[in-house]
Amino acid sequence: MVDVQKNLKDAIDKMENSMFFLDESLAHIRAGKANPRILDGVKVEYYGTMTPLSSVANISTPDAKSIVVQPWEKSMLREIEKAILASEIGITPENNGEVIRLGIPPLTEERRRNLVKQSKQEGEDTKISIRTARREAIDILKKSLKEGMPEDVEKDAESEVQKVHDKYIKQVDEVVYEKEKEIMTV
């Protein structure tokens, strides 16, 4: 027989992981203002190893329209510049010999709409994984019903899983709506 609370906790953990992944995905979508997290995916060759940019340089945003990358070793300037150019960020770095500046260009209306579409797609993907977690939890409950779990206990547990599911789906909608608002704000 299945432990109902453990089954519910497993479903909650899966849904929580989906929300964490959504937050990470949305953080990489730039919304017209400087955000150092758009550089999270950039890797630099550092002594023969591919290393995250944040591990070899200080990344800051002095204002809403620029990002400054200050390497801890001057010799890394060229490598960092190459890595940024090779990445999918689409911003050309300016190297002044001390730091690398990234000027964040204003987004066009079309680009904003594409970013909103991308955000909504990330939200839909997250909803799918939350629904999958719900379905798995309910399948386990249905199996344990066949193994002798009382029907009322199974129904109560199923409705509890549904409540948790609804809470996370609502949370996804709110997060995506906030990101959409952030992107569309000029």
Protein backbone atom coordinates (compact mmCIF):
# COMPACT_ATOMS: atom_id res chain seq x y z
CA MET A 1 0.00 0.00 0.00
CA VAL A 2 1.18 3.50 -0.84
CA ASP A 3 1.94 6.16 1.75
CA VAL A 4 -0.44 8.97 0.73
CA GLN A 5 1.62 11.76 2.29
CA LYS A 6 4.84 10.58 0.65
CA ASN A 7 3.08 10.39 -2.72
CA LEU A 8 1.78 13.95 -2.26
CA LYS A 9 5.22 15.18 -1.18
CA ASP A 10 6.83 13.60 -4.26
CA ALA A 11 4.29 15.34 -6.51
CA ILE A 12 4.90 18.67 -4.75
CA ASP A 13 8.67 18.25 -5.15
CA LYS A 14 8.29 17.64 -8.89
CA MET A 15 6.01 20.67 -9.25
CA GLU A 16 8.41 22.80 -7.22
CA ASN A 17 11.30 21.75 -9.47
CA SER A 18 9.23 22.72 -12.51
CA MET A 19 8.66 26.18 -11.01
CA PHE A 20 12.39 26.54 -10.30
CA PHE A 21 13.17 25.63 -13.91
CA LEU A 22 10.60 28.17 -15.14
CA ASP A 23 12.18 30.91 -13.02
CA GLU A 24 15.60 30.04 -14.44
CA SER A 25 14.30 30.01 -18.01
CA LEU A 26 12.51 33.33 -17.69
CA ALA A 27 15.56 34.96 -16.10
CA HIS A 28 17.49 34.33 -19.31
CA ILE A 29 14.91 36.18 -21.42
CA ARG A 30 16.01 39.79 -21.50
CA ALA A 31 13.31 42.37 -21.00
CA GLY A 32 14.92 45.52 -22.37
CA LYS A 33 16.86 46.36 -19.24
CA ALA A 34 20.25 45.11 -18.16
CA ASN A 35 20.18 41.85 -16.23
CA PRO A 36 23.45 40.06 -15.43
CA ARG A 37 21.66 36.70 -15.59
CA ILE A 38 21.54 36.86 -19.40
CA LEU A 39 25.26 36.00 -19.20
CA ASP A 40 24.68 32.86 -17.10
CA GLY A 41 24.99 30.58 -20.13
CA VAL A 42 28.31 32.06 -21.30
CA LYS A 43 31.30 29.78 -20.75
CA VAL A 44 34.93 30.92 -21.01
CA GLU A 45 38.01 28.77 -21.52
CA TYR A 46 39.98 29.19 -18.29
CA TYR A 47 43.22 27.22 -18.03
CA GLY A 48 41.92 24.55 -20.39
CA THR A 49 38.48 24.18 -18.79
CA MET A 50 35.17 25.65 -19.87
CA THR A 51 34.15 27.81 -16.91
CA PRO A 52 31.03 29.96 -16.32
CA LEU A 53 31.71 33.65 -16.94
CA SER A 54 30.63 34.53 -13.40
CA SER A 55 33.49 32.36 -12.07
CA VAL A 56 36.22 34.37 -13.83
CA ALA A 57 34.83 37.91 -13.70
CA ASN A 58 32.71 40.33 -11.74
CA ILE A 59 29.45 41.11 -13.58
CA SER A 60 27.54 44.25 -12.65
CA THR A 61 24.86 46.58 -14.01
CA PRO A 62 25.86 50.21 -13.42
CA ASP A 63 22.64 51.41 -15.07
CA ALA A 64 19.54 49.99 -16.75
CA LYS A 65 21.11 49.99 -20.23
CA SER A 66 24.52 48.39 -19.70
CA ILE A 67 26.33 45.45 -18.17
CA VAL A 68 29.98 45.66 -17.12
CA VAL A 69 32.18 42.55 -17.02
CA GLN A 70 35.40 43.02 -15.09
CA PRO A 71 37.70 39.98 -15.27
CA TRP A 72 39.75 39.07 -12.23
CA GLU A 73 42.74 38.53 -14.50
CA LYS A 74 43.50 41.05 -17.29
CA SER A 75 44.66 38.21 -19.53
CA MET A 76 41.07 36.92 -19.64
CA LEU A 77 39.69 40.01 -21.47
CA ARG A 78 40.19 38.49 -24.94
CA GLU A 79 38.74 35.10 -23.94
CA ILE A 80 35.67 36.70 -22.34
CA GLU A 81 35.11 38.91 -25.38
CA LYS A 82 35.32 35.87 -27.69
CA ALA A 83 32.92 33.88 -25.51
CA ILE A 84 30.34 36.69 -25.47
CA LEU A 85 30.56 37.08 -29.26
CA ALA A 86 30.16 33.32 -29.73
CA SER A 87 27.13 33.16 -27.40
CA GLU A 88 23.50 33.60 -28.44
CA ILE A 89 23.11 36.90 -26.56
CA GLY A 90 23.36 38.99 -29.70
CA ILE A 91 25.16 41.94 -28.10
CA THR A 92 28.58 43.11 -29.26
CA PRO A 93 30.98 43.67 -26.35
CA GLU A 94 33.11 46.82 -26.08
CA ASN A 95 36.56 46.15 -24.65
CA ASN A 96 38.47 49.17 -23.31
CA GLY A 97 41.45 47.23 -21.94
CA GLU A 98 40.13 47.28 -18.36
CA VAL A 99 36.52 46.08 -18.55
CA ILE A 100 34.05 44.81 -21.12
CA ARG A 101 30.86 46.79 -21.55
CA LEU A 102 27.67 45.43 -23.05
CA GLY A 103 25.22 48.08 -24.18
CA ILE A 104 21.68 46.71 -24.01
CA PRO A 105 19.85 47.95 -27.12
CA PRO A 106 16.19 48.90 -26.76
CA LEU A 107 13.82 46.18 -27.90
CA THR A 108 11.68 46.65 -30.98
CA GLU A 109 7.94 45.98 -30.76
CA GLU A 110 8.35 42.82 -32.84
CA ARG A 111 11.16 41.54 -30.62
CA ARG A 112 9.06 42.23 -27.50
CA ARG A 113 6.20 40.20 -28.95
CA ASN A 114 8.58 37.32 -29.75
CA LEU A 115 9.95 37.40 -26.20
CA VAL A 116 6.42 37.34 -24.79
CA LYS A 117 5.64 34.35 -27.02
CA GLN A 118 8.81 32.64 -25.77
CA SER A 119 7.83 33.36 -22.15
CA LYS A 120 4.36 31.93 -22.69
CA GLN A 121 5.88 28.82 -24.27
CA GLU A 122 8.13 28.35 -21.22
CA GLY A 123 5.00 28.67 -19.06
CA GLU A 124 3.16 26.06 -21.13
CA ASP A 125 6.10 23.65 -20.87
CA THR A 126 6.07 24.10 -17.10
CA LYS A 127 2.32 23.48 -16.94
CA ILE A 128 2.82 20.25 -18.89
CA SER A 129 5.41 19.01 -16.40
CA ILE A 130 3.13 19.98 -13.48
CA ARG A 131 0.23 18.07 -15.08
CA THR A 132 2.54 15.09 -15.59
CA ALA A 133 3.46 15.13 -11.89
CA ARG A 134 -0.26 15.21 -11.02
CA ARG A 135 -1.04 12.34 -13.37
CA GLU A 136 1.80 10.21 -11.95
CA ALA A 137 0.61 10.84 -8.38
CA ILE A 138 -2.99 9.95 -9.27
CA ASP A 139 -1.88 6.79 -11.13
CA ILE A 140 -0.03 5.65 -8.01
CA LEU A 141 -3.18 6.29 -5.94
CA LYS A 142 -5.35 4.31 -8.39
CA LYS A 143 -2.91 1.36 -8.23
CA SER A 144 -3.01 1.39 -4.45
CA LEU A 145 -6.84 1.42 -4.61
CA LYS A 146 -6.61 -1.92 -6.40
CA GLU A 147 -4.19 -3.12 -3.71
CA GLY A 148 -6.73 -2.49 -0.97
CA MET A 149 -6.63 1.21 -0.09
CA PRO A 150 -10.05 2.44 1.05
CA GLU A 151 -11.86 4.30 -1.73
CA ASP A 152 -12.61 7.39 0.39
CA VAL A 153 -8.92 7.72 1.34
CA GLU A 154 -7.96 7.48 -2.34
CA LYS A 155 -10.55 10.11 -3.36
CA ASP A 156 -9.41 12.49 -0.59
CA ALA A 157 -5.78 12.06 -1.62
CA GLU A 158 -6.70 12.59 -5.28
CA SER A 159 -8.50 15.85 -4.47
CA GLU A 160 -5.49 16.98 -2.40
CA VAL A 161 -3.19 16.35 -5.39
CA GLN A 162 -5.62 18.32 -7.57
CA LYS A 163 -5.57 21.27 -5.13
CA VAL A 164 -1.77 21.35 -5.18
CA HIS A 165 -1.82 21.12 -8.98
CA ASP A 166 -4.25 24.05 -9.24
CA LYS A 167 -2.08 26.15 -6.92
CA TYR A 168 1.03 25.60 -9.05
CA ILE A 169 -0.79 26.21 -12.35
CA LYS A 170 -2.05 29.53 -10.95
CA GLN A 171 1.51 30.35 -9.84
CA VAL A 172 2.81 29.67 -13.38
CA ASP A 173 0.19 32.00 -14.85
CA GLU A 174 1.17 34.75 -12.40
CA VAL A 175 4.91 34.39 -13.09
CA VAL A 176 4.42 34.43 -16.87
CA TYR A 177 2.07 37.42 -16.62
CA GLU A 178 4.65 39.37 -14.59
CA LYS A 179 7.37 38.54 -17.13
CA GLU A 180 5.07 39.59 -19.98
CA LYS A 181 4.40 42.90 -18.22
CA GLU A 182 8.15 43.40 -17.68
CA ILE A 183 8.91 42.71 -21.37
CA MET A 184 6.19 44.99 -22.72
CA THR A 185 7.13 47.92 -20.47
CA VAL A 186 9.09 50.39 -22.57
